[in-house]
Every structure is written in structure tokens, then in C-alpha cells.
N, C-alpha and C. Protein backbone atom coordinates (compact mmCIF):
# COMPACT_ATOMS: atom_id res chain seq x y z
N UNK A 1 3.94 -11.49 18.30
CA UNK A 1 4.66 -12.08 17.17
C UNK A 1 3.65 -12.70 16.21
N UNK A 2 4.01 -12.63 14.93
CA UNK A 2 3.11 -13.11 13.89
C UNK A 2 3.94 -13.59 12.71
N UNK A 3 3.42 -14.58 11.99
CA UNK A 3 4.10 -15.10 10.81
C UNK A 3 3.53 -14.43 9.57
N UNK A 4 4.40 -13.89 8.74
CA UNK A 4 4.00 -13.26 7.49
C UNK A 4 3.54 -14.35 6.52
N UNK A 5 2.39 -14.14 5.89
CA UNK A 5 1.86 -15.14 4.97
C UNK A 5 2.61 -15.17 3.63
N UNK A 6 3.40 -14.15 3.35
CA UNK A 6 4.15 -14.10 2.09
C UNK A 6 5.55 -14.68 2.23
N UNK A 7 6.27 -14.29 3.26
CA UNK A 7 7.66 -14.75 3.40
C UNK A 7 7.82 -15.83 4.48
N UNK A 8 6.78 -16.13 5.21
CA UNK A 8 6.76 -17.18 6.24
C UNK A 8 7.79 -16.97 7.35
N UNK A 9 8.12 -15.71 7.63
CA UNK A 9 9.03 -15.40 8.72
C UNK A 9 8.25 -14.90 9.93
N UNK A 10 8.72 -15.23 11.10
CA UNK A 10 8.12 -14.76 12.34
C UNK A 10 8.62 -13.35 12.62
N UNK A 11 7.69 -12.39 12.71
CA UNK A 11 8.07 -10.99 12.92
C UNK A 11 7.20 -10.39 14.01
N UNK A 12 7.67 -9.28 14.56
CA UNK A 12 6.90 -8.60 15.59
C UNK A 12 5.69 -7.92 14.96
N UNK A 13 4.68 -7.63 15.77
CA UNK A 13 3.46 -7.01 15.27
C UNK A 13 3.71 -5.63 14.67
N UNK A 14 4.78 -4.98 15.09
CA UNK A 14 5.09 -3.66 14.55
C UNK A 14 5.56 -3.74 13.10
N UNK A 15 5.86 -4.93 12.60
CA UNK A 15 6.30 -5.11 11.21
C UNK A 15 5.11 -5.28 10.27
N UNK A 16 3.88 -5.15 10.77
CA UNK A 16 2.68 -5.32 9.97
C UNK A 16 1.85 -4.03 10.00
N UNK A 17 1.21 -3.72 8.86
CA UNK A 17 0.32 -2.57 8.82
C UNK A 17 -0.94 -2.86 9.61
N UNK A 18 -1.59 -1.82 10.10
CA UNK A 18 -2.86 -1.97 10.79
C UNK A 18 -3.96 -2.27 9.77
N UNK A 19 -4.89 -3.13 10.15
CA UNK A 19 -6.05 -3.46 9.31
C UNK A 19 -7.20 -3.79 10.24
N UNK A 20 -8.14 -2.87 10.38
CA UNK A 20 -9.23 -3.06 11.33
C UNK A 20 -10.15 -4.20 10.94
N UNK A 21 -10.09 -4.65 9.69
CA UNK A 21 -10.93 -5.77 9.26
C UNK A 21 -10.38 -7.12 9.69
N UNK A 22 -9.10 -7.18 9.98
CA UNK A 22 -8.46 -8.44 10.37
C UNK A 22 -8.77 -8.76 11.84
N UNK A 23 -8.76 -10.02 12.16
CA UNK A 23 -9.09 -10.44 13.52
C UNK A 23 -8.11 -9.88 14.56
N UNK A 24 -6.83 -9.86 14.21
CA UNK A 24 -5.84 -9.35 15.15
C UNK A 24 -5.52 -7.87 14.93
N UNK A 25 -6.15 -7.25 13.94
CA UNK A 25 -5.97 -5.83 13.70
C UNK A 25 -4.77 -5.47 12.83
N UNK A 26 -4.16 -6.48 12.21
CA UNK A 26 -2.99 -6.24 11.35
C UNK A 26 -3.13 -7.04 10.06
N UNK A 27 -2.44 -6.59 9.01
CA UNK A 27 -2.47 -7.30 7.74
C UNK A 27 -1.78 -8.66 7.88
N UNK A 28 -2.03 -9.54 6.92
CA UNK A 28 -1.41 -10.87 6.99
C UNK A 28 0.01 -10.86 6.43
N UNK A 29 0.34 -9.83 5.60
CA UNK A 29 1.70 -9.71 5.06
C UNK A 29 2.45 -8.62 5.83
N UNK A 30 3.74 -8.81 6.01
CA UNK A 30 4.55 -7.79 6.67
C UNK A 30 4.69 -6.58 5.75
N UNK A 31 5.15 -5.47 6.27
CA UNK A 31 5.25 -4.24 5.49
C UNK A 31 6.20 -4.41 4.30
N UNK A 32 7.27 -5.13 4.48
CA UNK A 32 8.24 -5.33 3.39
C UNK A 32 7.59 -6.10 2.24
N UNK A 33 6.91 -7.19 2.56
CA UNK A 33 6.25 -7.99 1.52
C UNK A 33 5.09 -7.24 0.89
N UNK A 34 4.32 -6.52 1.70
CA UNK A 34 3.19 -5.75 1.17
C UNK A 34 3.68 -4.66 0.22
N UNK A 35 4.76 -3.97 0.58
CA UNK A 35 5.32 -2.94 -0.30
C UNK A 35 5.82 -3.55 -1.60
N UNK A 36 6.44 -4.72 -1.54
CA UNK A 36 6.93 -5.38 -2.75
C UNK A 36 5.76 -5.80 -3.65
N UNK A 37 4.69 -6.31 -3.05
CA UNK A 37 3.51 -6.70 -3.84
C UNK A 37 2.87 -5.49 -4.49
N UNK A 38 2.77 -4.39 -3.74
CA UNK A 38 2.20 -3.16 -4.30
C UNK A 38 3.05 -2.62 -5.44
N UNK A 39 4.37 -2.66 -5.29
CA UNK A 39 5.27 -2.18 -6.35
C UNK A 39 5.11 -3.02 -7.60
N UNK A 40 5.03 -4.35 -7.43
CA UNK A 40 4.87 -5.25 -8.56
C UNK A 40 3.55 -4.96 -9.28
N UNK A 41 2.47 -4.71 -8.52
CA UNK A 41 1.17 -4.41 -9.13
C UNK A 41 1.24 -3.10 -9.91
N UNK A 42 1.86 -2.07 -9.31
CA UNK A 42 1.97 -0.78 -9.98
C UNK A 42 2.75 -0.89 -11.29
N UNK A 43 3.81 -1.69 -11.30
CA UNK A 43 4.61 -1.87 -12.52
C UNK A 43 3.84 -2.66 -13.58
N UNK A 44 3.00 -3.58 -13.14
CA UNK A 44 2.22 -4.41 -14.05
C UNK A 44 1.01 -3.66 -14.61
N UNK A 45 0.51 -2.65 -13.90
CA UNK A 45 -0.70 -1.92 -14.27
C UNK A 45 -0.46 -0.42 -14.38
N UNK A 46 0.42 0.03 -15.27
CA UNK A 46 0.69 1.47 -15.36
C UNK A 46 -0.53 2.27 -15.81
N UNK A 47 -1.38 1.68 -16.65
CA UNK A 47 -2.57 2.38 -17.11
C UNK A 47 -3.55 2.64 -15.96
N UNK A 48 -3.68 1.68 -15.05
CA UNK A 48 -4.55 1.88 -13.88
C UNK A 48 -3.97 2.94 -12.96
N UNK A 49 -2.64 2.93 -12.79
CA UNK A 49 -2.01 3.94 -11.95
C UNK A 49 -2.21 5.33 -12.53
N UNK A 50 -2.16 5.44 -13.85
CA UNK A 50 -2.38 6.73 -14.49
C UNK A 50 -3.81 7.21 -14.22
N UNK A 51 -4.79 6.31 -14.30
CA UNK A 51 -6.18 6.66 -14.01
C UNK A 51 -6.34 7.09 -12.56
N UNK A 52 -5.71 6.37 -11.65
CA UNK A 52 -5.81 6.68 -10.22
C UNK A 52 -5.20 8.04 -9.94
N UNK A 53 -4.00 8.31 -10.51
CA UNK A 53 -3.36 9.61 -10.32
C UNK A 53 -4.20 10.75 -10.88
N UNK A 54 -4.76 10.54 -12.07
CA UNK A 54 -5.57 11.57 -12.71
C UNK A 54 -6.82 11.86 -11.89
N UNK A 55 -7.47 10.83 -11.37
CA UNK A 55 -8.66 11.01 -10.53
C UNK A 55 -8.30 11.80 -9.27
N UNK A 56 -7.14 11.51 -8.69
CA UNK A 56 -6.71 12.25 -7.49
C UNK A 56 -6.48 13.72 -7.83
N UNK A 57 -5.86 13.98 -8.97
CA UNK A 57 -5.60 15.36 -9.38
C UNK A 57 -6.90 16.13 -9.59
N UNK A 58 -7.89 15.48 -10.14
CA UNK A 58 -9.19 16.13 -10.36
C UNK A 58 -9.87 16.43 -9.02
N UNK A 59 -9.77 15.48 -8.08
CA UNK A 59 -10.40 15.68 -6.76
C UNK A 59 -9.64 16.68 -5.90
N UNK A 60 -8.36 16.89 -6.16
CA UNK A 60 -7.52 17.75 -5.32
C UNK A 60 -6.79 18.81 -6.14
N UNK A 61 -7.51 19.70 -6.81
CA UNK A 61 -6.84 20.69 -7.66
C UNK A 61 -5.97 21.66 -6.86
N UNK A 62 -6.38 21.98 -5.64
CA UNK A 62 -5.58 22.91 -4.83
C UNK A 62 -4.21 22.32 -4.47
N UNK A 63 -4.15 21.03 -4.23
CA UNK A 63 -2.87 20.38 -3.94
C UNK A 63 -2.04 20.25 -5.21
N UNK A 64 -2.68 19.92 -6.31
CA UNK A 64 -1.98 19.80 -7.58
C UNK A 64 -1.36 21.13 -7.99
N UNK A 65 -2.11 22.22 -7.83
CA UNK A 65 -1.59 23.55 -8.17
C UNK A 65 -0.42 23.93 -7.27
N UNK A 66 -0.44 23.53 -6.01
CA UNK A 66 0.64 23.84 -5.09
C UNK A 66 1.94 23.15 -5.53
N UNK A 67 1.83 21.94 -6.08
CA UNK A 67 3.01 21.20 -6.53
C UNK A 67 3.62 21.82 -7.78
N UNK A 68 2.78 22.38 -8.65
CA UNK A 68 3.28 22.87 -9.93
C UNK A 68 3.84 24.28 -9.86
N UNK A 69 3.70 24.95 -8.74
CA UNK A 69 4.21 26.32 -8.61
C UNK A 69 5.70 26.35 -8.47
């Protein structure tokens, strides 16, 4: 059991993403809070998301072409 640093609720370890850098091997935020934070960041930074998507498309042209067929 672990307390989420974002919502302060006690949750099971399966409610947290793995993070090998953390002492206990899991993130400090639960998956629900982490997903909400990521969504908020993506909405706040659409230009960065566009850059990230474009870089992925350049690195993975075979996957990009498969999607457009």
C-alpha cells in the first residue's frame, strides 16, 4: 500500500506505474493522477506535442506509412 502524492489516497501498489529510479520501484502519483497531469500538460503545450509527434513520424516512417494506407 502506498499514498498517492497528488490525491493523498491510500492505494495498492498496482495503482502506480513502475519507475526503476524510485526507491520502491513505483511512481509517487497513482495512474489516475499521473494520466490527468499528463493530459493537462498536453492541452497546455500543443506546440510541444506537435513537435514530439513530428519527430516520432520522422524516426518511424514505416509505421507512419502503415497508418496512412
